[in-house]
Amino acid sequence: MTQTTLGKKMPAFTCYATREKTISTKELKGNPFILYFYPRDNTPGCTQEGIDFRDNHAKFKSYKVTVLGVSRDSLQSHEKFRTKYKLPFDLVSDPNEKLCKLFGVIKEKNMYGKKVLGIERSTFLVDSEGILRCEWRKIRVSGHVKEVLYALKDLYTACLLYTSDAADDTPCVDLGGRR
């Protein structure tokens, strides 16, 4: 499977999400979207990240951006997590790691002295034409959602969020989380 590349069109994907939804690149085309990958439901960092996206959801909606959380947890776990914390966006279940591998977020981690493979907390911003515009890897939860909103504003201002609005083939803005 091809991995995503900053500034390039996303490979097609289809996955399952909460509220019995099927999410695909075809369905998402026409509006920008954010995929944030997190290790596990109901853990402190992952819960805070979900709450931060929830608390800023209206700002994302004002840019017509769809927010999707992704982890390897089951849909049943996601439904409980989503309900418990009143998350207004869907959570994608990726138990076979297809989406995780597409974005290259499965990394070796050290857990209690033991090496394991797990999800590296990462976020990706894709424009309305399916082009990967920004990525943040190895993120820290505190302040991260604000970084994403700053990048979103910059892309919107530069007419790159809705690429059909761009007057020319403006190159990708690589903000890379550096704010």
Foldseek 3Di string as FASTA:
>chain_A
DAAADAQDFADWDWFAKEPRDIDIPVVQAQAKEKEWEDWDFPDVQVLLLLLVCQVCVVLCVVRPYAYEYEYQDDNVSQVVRCVVSVRPHIYTHDVVCPVVVNHVQFDWDQDPNDTDTTGFTKMWIAANRRHTQEIETNDGRVCQVVLVSVVSVVCVVCVNRHVVSDPDCDTGDYPHSVD
